[in-house]
PDB file of N, CA and C in Angstrom:
ATOM      1  N   UNK A   1       6.713 -30.534  10.051  1.00  0.00           N
ATOM      2  CA  UNK A   1       7.693 -29.329  10.052  1.00  0.00           C
ATOM      3  C   UNK A   1       8.475 -30.122  11.087  1.00  0.00           C
ATOM      4  N   UNK A   2       9.686 -30.193  10.491  1.00  0.00           N
ATOM      5  CA  UNK A   2      11.103 -30.826  11.747  1.00  0.00           C
ATOM      6  C   UNK A   2      11.347 -29.789  12.898  1.00  0.00           C
ATOM      7  N   UNK A   3      12.243 -29.961  13.773  1.00  0.00           N
ATOM      8  CA  UNK A   3      11.867 -29.810  15.143  1.00  0.00           C
ATOM      9  C   UNK A   3      13.081 -28.276  14.613  1.00  0.00           C
ATOM     10  N   UNK A   4      14.639 -28.567  13.861  1.00  0.00           N
ATOM     11  CA  UNK A   4      15.126 -27.559  13.453  1.00  0.00           C
ATOM     12  C   UNK A   4      14.413 -26.634  12.857  1.00  0.00           C
ATOM     13  N   UNK A   5      13.572 -26.839  12.085  1.00  0.00           N
ATOM     14  CA  UNK A   5      12.713 -25.694  11.353  1.00  0.00           C
ATOM     15  C   UNK A   5      12.491 -24.776  12.321  1.00  0.00           C
ATOM     16  N   UNK A   6      11.550 -25.523  13.339  1.00  0.00           N
ATOM     17  CA  UNK A   6      10.639 -24.928  14.603  1.00  0.00           C
ATOM     18  C   UNK A   6      11.925 -24.085  15.409  1.00  0.00           C
ATOM     19  N   UNK A   7      12.674 -24.535  15.538  1.00  0.00           N
ATOM     20  CA  UNK A   7      13.978 -23.800  16.401  1.00  0.00           C
ATOM     21  C   UNK A   7      14.540 -22.423  15.743  1.00  0.00           C
ATOM     22  N   UNK A   8      14.534 -22.344  14.399  1.00  0.00           N
ATOM     23  CA  UNK A   8      14.773 -21.295  13.745  1.00  0.00           C
ATOM     24  C   UNK A   8      13.803 -20.529  13.755  1.00  0.00           C
ATOM     25  N   UNK A   9      12.558 -20.897  13.677  1.00  0.00           N
ATOM     26  CA  UNK A   9      11.398 -19.920  13.583  1.00  0.00           C
ATOM     27  C   UNK A   9      11.371 -19.169  15.325  1.00  0.00           C
ATOM     28  N   UNK A  10      11.504 -19.880  16.022  1.00  0.00           N
ATOM     29  CA  UNK A  10      11.632 -19.642  17.700  1.00  0.00           C
ATOM     30  C   UNK A  10      12.691 -18.489  17.812  1.00  0.00           C
ATOM     31  N   UNK A  11      13.774 -18.979  17.416  1.00  0.00           N
ATOM     32  CA  UNK A  11      15.005 -17.743  17.499  1.00  0.00           C
ATOM     33  C   UNK A  11      14.747 -16.545  16.462  1.00  0.00           C
ATOM     34  N   UNK A  12      14.049 -16.761  15.409  1.00  0.00           N
ATOM     35  CA  UNK A  12      13.683 -15.450  14.811  1.00  0.00           C
ATOM     36  C   UNK A  12      12.636 -14.643  15.433  1.00  0.00           C
ATOM     37  N   UNK A  13      11.560 -15.113  16.145  1.00  0.00           N
ATOM     38  CA  UNK A  13      10.652 -14.655  17.152  1.00  0.00           C
ATOM     39  C   UNK A  13      11.430 -13.900  17.913  1.00  0.00           C
ATOM     40  N   UNK A  14      12.065 -14.890  18.859  1.00  0.00           N
ATOM     41  CA  UNK A  14      13.128 -14.105  20.156  1.00  0.00           C
ATOM     42  C   UNK A  14      13.694 -12.852  19.472  1.00  0.00           C
ATOM     43  N   UNK A  15      14.281 -12.999  18.346  1.00  0.00           N
ATOM     44  CA  UNK A  15      15.547 -11.918  18.059  1.00  0.00           C
ATOM     45  C   UNK A  15      14.612 -10.566  17.015  1.00  0.00           C
ATOM     46  N   UNK A  16      12.981 -10.772  17.271  1.00  0.00           N
ATOM     47  CA  UNK A  16      12.182  -9.485  16.459  1.00  0.00           C
ATOM     48  C   UNK A  16      12.456  -9.995  15.290  1.00  0.00           C
ATOM     49  N   UNK A  17      13.270 -10.604  14.492  1.00  0.00           N
ATOM     50  CA  UNK A  17      13.462 -10.778  13.134  1.00  0.00           C
ATOM     51  C   UNK A  17      12.347 -10.826  12.382  1.00  0.00           C
ATOM     52  N   UNK A  18      11.242 -11.384  12.980  1.00  0.00           N
ATOM     53  CA  UNK A  18       9.673 -12.116  12.495  1.00  0.00           C
ATOM     54  C   UNK A  18       8.995 -11.306  13.691  1.00  0.00           C
ATOM     55  N   UNK A  19       7.714 -10.731  12.996  1.00  0.00           N
ATOM     56  CA  UNK A  19       6.855 -10.048  14.131  1.00  0.00           C
ATOM     57  C   UNK A  19       5.730 -11.407  14.771  1.00  0.00           C
ATOM     58  N   UNK A  20       5.854 -12.369  14.072  1.00  0.00           N
ATOM     59  CA  UNK A  20       4.710 -13.430  14.188  1.00  0.00           C
ATOM     60  C   UNK A  20       4.953 -14.476  13.088  1.00  0.00           C
ATOM     61  N   UNK A  21       4.522 -15.740  13.898  1.00  0.00           N
ATOM     62  CA  UNK A  21       4.341 -16.751  12.881  1.00  0.00           C
ATOM     63  C   UNK A  21       3.303 -17.518  12.560  1.00  0.00           C
ATOM     64  N   UNK A  22       2.615 -17.641  11.464  1.00  0.00           N
ATOM     65  CA  UNK A  22       1.136 -18.415  11.569  1.00  0.00           C
ATOM     66  C   UNK A  22       1.619 -20.116  11.395  1.00  0.00           C
ATOM     67  N   UNK A  23       1.119 -21.188  12.040  1.00  0.00           N
ATOM     68  CA  UNK A  23       0.843 -22.400  12.283  1.00  0.00           C
ATOM     69  C   UNK A  23       0.012 -23.012  11.747  1.00  0.00           C
ATOM     70  N   UNK A  24       0.060 -23.660  10.933  1.00  0.00           N
ATOM     71  CA  UNK A  24      -1.019 -24.632  10.218  1.00  0.00           C
ATOM     72  C   UNK A  24      -1.578 -25.563  11.055  1.00  0.00           C
ATOM     73  N   UNK A  25      -2.722 -26.082  11.071  1.00  0.00           N
ATOM     74  CA  UNK A  25      -3.518 -27.189  12.054  1.00  0.00           C
ATOM     75  C   UNK A  25      -2.318 -27.973  11.666  1.00  0.00           C
ATOM     76  N   UNK A  26      -2.095 -28.212  11.159  1.00  0.00           N
ATOM     77  CA  UNK A  26      -1.350 -30.108  11.002  1.00  0.00           C
ATOM     78  C   UNK A  26       0.319 -29.722  11.239  1.00  0.00           C
ATOM     79  N   UNK A  27       0.527 -28.597  11.783  1.00  0.00           N
ATOM     80  CA  UNK A  27       1.869 -28.588  12.271  1.00  0.00           C
ATOM     81  C   UNK A  27       1.775 -28.353  13.801  1.00  0.00           C
ATOM     82  N   UNK A  28       0.549 -27.857  14.262  1.00  0.00           N
ATOM     83  CA  UNK A  28       0.366 -27.139  15.637  1.00  0.00           C
ATOM     84  C   UNK A  28       0.863 -28.047  16.732  1.00  0.00           C
ATOM     85  N   UNK A  29       1.012 -29.117  16.866  1.00  0.00           N
ATOM     86  CA  UNK A  29       1.140 -30.501  17.867  1.00  0.00           C
ATOM     87  C   UNK A  29       2.817 -30.562  17.735  1.00  0.00           C
ATOM     88  N   UNK A  30       3.188 -30.297  16.313  1.00  0.00           N
ATOM     89  CA  UNK A  30       4.611 -30.277  16.815  1.00  0.00           C
ATOM     90  C   UNK A  30       5.563 -29.110  17.224  1.00  0.00           C
ATOM     91  N   UNK A  31       4.787 -27.963  16.746  1.00  0.00           N
ATOM     92  CA  UNK A  31       5.537 -26.485  16.991  1.00  0.00           C
ATOM     93  C   UNK A  31       5.169 -26.731  18.781  1.00  0.00           C
ATOM     94  N   UNK A  32       3.882 -26.722  19.021  1.00  0.00           N
ATOM     95  CA  UNK A  32       3.706 -26.556  20.338  1.00  0.00           C
ATOM     96  C   UNK A  32       4.443 -27.489  21.411  1.00  0.00           C
ATOM     97  N   UNK A  33       4.710 -28.342  21.073  1.00  0.00           N
ATOM     98  CA  UNK A  33       5.807 -29.059  21.719  1.00  0.00           C
ATOM     99  C   UNK A  33       6.920 -29.063  21.686  1.00  0.00           C
ATOM    100  N   UNK A  34       7.967 -28.179  20.879  1.00  0.00           N
ATOM    101  CA  UNK A  34       8.883 -27.553  20.848  1.00  0.00           C
ATOM    102  C   UNK A  34       9.008 -26.268  21.692  1.00  0.00           C
ATOM    103  N   UNK A  35       7.854 -25.644  21.424  1.00  0.00           N
ATOM    104  CA  UNK A  35       7.796 -24.080  22.543  1.00  0.00           C
ATOM    105  C   UNK A  35       7.477 -24.319  24.093  1.00  0.00           C
ATOM    106  N   UNK A  36       6.699 -25.244  24.408  1.00  0.00           N
ATOM    107  CA  UNK A  36       6.493 -26.114  25.724  1.00  0.00           C
ATOM    108  C   UNK A  36       7.898 -26.428  26.507  1.00  0.00           C
ATOM    109  N   UNK A  37       8.883 -26.962  25.769  1.00  0.00           N
ATOM    110  CA  UNK A  37       9.862 -27.173  26.153  1.00  0.00           C
ATOM    111  C   UNK A  37      11.009 -26.253  26.645  1.00  0.00           C
ATOM    112  N   UNK A  38      10.662 -24.881  25.689  1.00  0.00           N
ATOM    113  CA  UNK A  38      11.717 -23.708  25.927  1.00  0.00           C
ATOM    114  C   UNK A  38      11.717 -23.221  27.527  1.00  0.00           C
ATOM    115  N   UNK A  39      12.770 -22.485  27.825  1.00  0.00           N
ATOM    116  CA  UNK A  39      12.782 -22.099  29.293  1.00  0.00           C
ATOM    117  C   UNK A  39      11.866 -21.049  29.531  1.00  0.00           C
ATOM    118  N   UNK A  40      11.614 -20.277  28.196  1.00  0.00           N
ATOM    119  CA  UNK A  40      11.106 -18.895  28.079  1.00  0.00           C
ATOM    120  C   UNK A  40       9.576 -19.086  27.234  1.00  0.00           C
ATOM    121  N   UNK A  41       9.107 -20.461  27.586  1.00  0.00           N
ATOM    122  CA  UNK A  41       7.820 -20.539  27.039  1.00  0.00           C
ATOM    123  C   UNK A  41       6.655 -19.392  27.217  1.00  0.00           C
ATOM    124  N   UNK A  42       6.545 -19.162  28.507  1.00  0.00           N
ATOM    125  CA  UNK A  42       5.887 -18.337  28.652  1.00  0.00           C
ATOM    126  C   UNK A  42       5.351 -16.842  28.098  1.00  0.00           C
ATOM    127  N   UNK A  43       6.426 -16.583  27.369  1.00  0.00           N
ATOM    128  CA  UNK A  43       6.823 -15.287  26.749  1.00  0.00           C
ATOM    129  C   UNK A  43       5.887 -15.632  25.257  1.00  0.00           C
ATOM    130  N   UNK A  44       5.773 -16.537  25.077  1.00  0.00           N
ATOM    131  CA  UNK A  44       5.432 -16.826  23.323  1.00  0.00           C
ATOM    132  C   UNK A  44       3.876 -17.102  23.727  1.00  0.00           C
ATOM    133  N   UNK A  45       2.914 -16.202  23.003  1.00  0.00           N
ATOM    134  CA  UNK A  45       1.807 -15.787  23.011  1.00  0.00           C
ATOM    135  C   UNK A  45       0.886 -16.718  21.284  1.00  0.00           C
ATOM    136  N   UNK A  46       0.166 -17.562  21.401  1.00  0.00           N
ATOM    137  CA  UNK A  46      -0.518 -18.257  20.551  1.00  0.00           C
ATOM    138  C   UNK A  46      -2.070 -17.972  20.786  1.00  0.00           C
ATOM    139  N   UNK A  47      -2.437 -17.355  19.464  1.00  0.00           N
ATOM    140  CA  UNK A  47      -3.796 -16.813  19.173  1.00  0.00           C
ATOM    141  C   UNK A  47      -4.096 -17.587  18.075  1.00  0.00           C
ATOM    142  N   UNK A  48      -5.707 -18.505  18.153  1.00  0.00           N
ATOM    143  CA  UNK A  48      -6.135 -19.106  17.415  1.00  0.00           C
ATOM    144  C   UNK A  48      -6.899 -18.245  16.341  1.00  0.00           C
ATOM    145  N   UNK A  49      -6.509 -18.933  15.219  1.00  0.00           N
ATOM    146  CA  UNK A  49      -7.658 -18.403  14.309  1.00  0.00           C
ATOM    147  C   UNK A  49      -8.709 -19.065  13.511  1.00  0.00           C
ATOM    148  N   UNK A  50      -9.591 -18.991  13.015  1.00  0.00           N
ATOM    149  CA  UNK A  50     -10.450 -19.748  12.224  1.00  0.00           C
ATOM    150  C   UNK A  50      -9.908 -20.616  11.537  1.00  0.00           C
ATOM    151  N   UNK A  51     -10.129 -21.965  11.175  1.00  0.00           N
ATOM    152  CA  UNK A  51      -9.410 -22.546  10.594  1.00  0.00           C
ATOM    153  C   UNK A  51      -8.653 -23.808  10.835  1.00  0.00           C
ATOM    154  N   UNK A  52      -8.195 -23.524  12.303  1.00  0.00           N
ATOM    155  CA  UNK A  52      -7.338 -24.353  13.046  1.00  0.00           C
ATOM    156  C   UNK A  52      -6.133 -23.744  13.278  1.00  0.00           C
ATOM    157  N   UNK A  53      -5.543 -22.304  12.414  1.00  0.00           N
ATOM    158  CA  UNK A  53      -4.680 -22.006  12.354  1.00  0.00           C
ATOM    159  C   UNK A  53      -4.315 -21.463  13.635  1.00  0.00           C
ATOM    160  N   UNK A  54      -2.691 -20.927  14.414  1.00  0.00           N
ATOM    161  CA  UNK A  54      -2.555 -20.224  15.137  1.00  0.00           C
ATOM    162  C   UNK A  54      -1.537 -19.199  14.817  1.00  0.00           C
ATOM    163  N   UNK A  55      -1.571 -18.042  15.145  1.00  0.00           N
ATOM    164  CA  UNK A  55      -0.248 -17.035  15.252  1.00  0.00           C
ATOM    165  C   UNK A  55       0.476 -16.896  16.484  1.00  0.00           C
ATOM    166  N   UNK A  56       1.569 -17.113  16.232  1.00  0.00           N
ATOM    167  CA  UNK A  56       2.643 -16.947  17.039  1.00  0.00           C
ATOM    168  C   UNK A  56       3.535 -15.779  17.401  1.00  0.00           C
ATOM    169  N   UNK A  57       3.726 -15.160  18.455  1.00  0.00           N
ATOM    170  CA  UNK A  57       4.526 -13.911  18.969  1.00  0.00           C
ATOM    171  C   UNK A  57       5.063 -14.302  20.191  1.00  0.00           C
ATOM    172  N   UNK A  58       6.210 -13.126  20.278  1.00  0.00           N
ATOM    173  CA  UNK A  58       6.963 -13.554  21.259  1.00  0.00           C
ATOM    174  C   UNK A  58       6.833 -11.780  22.221  1.00  0.00           C
ATOM    175  N   UNK A  59       6.338 -12.208  23.220  1.00  0.00           N
ATOM    176  CA  UNK A  59       5.851 -10.989  24.006  1.00  0.00           C
ATOM    177  C   UNK A  59       6.148 -11.169  25.417  1.00  0.00           C
ATOM    178  N   UNK A  60       7.587 -11.074  25.930  1.00  0.00           N
ATOM    179  CA  UNK A  60       8.209 -11.233  27.032  1.00  0.00           C
ATOM    180  C   UNK A  60       7.441 -10.433  28.362  1.00  0.00           C
ATOM    181  N   UNK A  61       6.841 -10.958  29.428  1.00  0.00           N
ATOM    182  CA  UNK A  61       6.364 -10.472  30.263  1.00  0.00           C
ATOM    183  C   UNK A  61       4.730 -10.258  30.115  1.00  0.00           C
ATOM    184  N   UNK A  62       4.166 -10.842  28.651  1.00  0.00           N
ATOM    185  CA  UNK A  62       2.835 -10.762  28.825  1.00  0.00           C
ATOM    186  C   UNK A  62       1.551 -11.500  29.812  1.00  0.00           C
ATOM    187  N   UNK A  63       2.415 -12.220  30.438  1.00  0.00           N
ATOM    188  CA  UNK A  63       1.411 -13.379  31.048  1.00  0.00           C
ATOM    189  C   UNK A  63       1.447 -13.042  32.396  1.00  0.00           C
ATOM    190  N   UNK A  64       2.289 -12.252  32.926  1.00  0.00           N
ATOM    191  CA  UNK A  64       2.531 -11.771  34.370  1.00  0.00           C
ATOM    192  C   UNK A  64       1.638 -11.075  34.732  1.00  0.00           C
TER     193      UNK A  64
END
Protein backbone atom coordinates (compact mmCIF):
# COMPACT_ATOMS: atom_id res chain seq x y z
CA UNK A 1 0.00 0.00 0.00
CA UNK A 2 1.44 3.36 -1.04
CA UNK A 3 1.57 6.38 1.28
CA UNK A 4 -0.54 8.43 -1.16
CA UNK A 5 -3.29 5.83 -1.02
CA UNK A 6 -3.16 5.80 2.78
CA UNK A 7 -3.32 9.62 2.91
CA UNK A 8 -6.43 9.52 0.71
CA UNK A 9 -8.09 7.00 3.03
CA UNK A 10 -7.18 9.11 6.07
CA UNK A 11 -8.74 12.19 4.46
CA UNK A 12 -11.89 10.21 3.66
CA UNK A 13 -12.14 9.12 7.30
CA UNK A 14 -11.67 12.71 8.51
CA UNK A 15 -14.33 14.06 6.16
CA UNK A 16 -16.72 11.22 7.09
CA UNK A 17 -16.84 10.12 3.45
CA UNK A 18 -16.27 6.62 4.83
CA UNK A 19 -17.16 5.43 8.34
CA UNK A 20 -14.31 2.96 8.73
CA UNK A 21 -11.49 1.28 6.88
CA UNK A 22 -10.31 -2.32 7.27
CA UNK A 23 -6.52 -2.66 7.11
CA UNK A 24 -5.06 -6.03 6.18
CA UNK A 25 -2.31 -7.52 8.32
CA UNK A 26 0.21 -7.07 5.49
CA UNK A 27 -0.55 -3.32 5.25
CA UNK A 28 -0.77 -2.57 8.97
CA UNK A 29 2.76 -1.26 9.56
CA UNK A 30 2.62 1.07 6.54
CA UNK A 31 -0.84 2.34 7.50
CA UNK A 32 0.10 2.86 11.13
CA UNK A 33 3.29 4.75 10.23
CA UNK A 34 1.27 7.28 8.23
CA UNK A 35 -1.37 7.65 10.96
CA UNK A 36 1.23 8.18 13.71
CA UNK A 37 2.75 11.01 11.63
CA UNK A 38 -0.59 12.87 11.58
CA UNK A 39 -1.10 15.83 13.91
CA UNK A 40 -4.47 14.43 14.99
CA UNK A 41 -3.26 10.82 15.31
CA UNK A 42 -5.03 10.36 18.67
CA UNK A 43 -8.38 10.85 16.92
CA UNK A 44 -7.91 7.65 14.90
CA UNK A 45 -9.11 4.51 16.61
CA UNK A 46 -7.85 1.08 15.61
CA UNK A 47 -9.90 -1.96 16.56
CA UNK A 48 -7.99 -5.24 16.21
CA UNK A 49 -9.84 -8.13 14.58
CA UNK A 50 -9.21 -11.84 14.32
CA UNK A 51 -6.67 -12.74 11.66
CA UNK A 52 -4.54 -9.64 12.16
CA UNK A 53 -6.83 -7.11 10.48
CA UNK A 54 -7.55 -3.73 12.07
CA UNK A 55 -10.59 -1.52 11.54
CA UNK A 56 -9.77 2.19 11.75
CA UNK A 57 -12.31 4.91 12.48
CA UNK A 58 -11.97 8.64 13.02
CA UNK A 59 -13.43 9.69 16.36
CA UNK A 60 -12.21 13.12 17.52
CA UNK A 61 -11.91 13.30 21.30
CA UNK A 62 -12.38 9.58 22.01
CA UNK A 63 -9.04 9.25 23.81
CA UNK A 64 -9.47 12.19 26.19
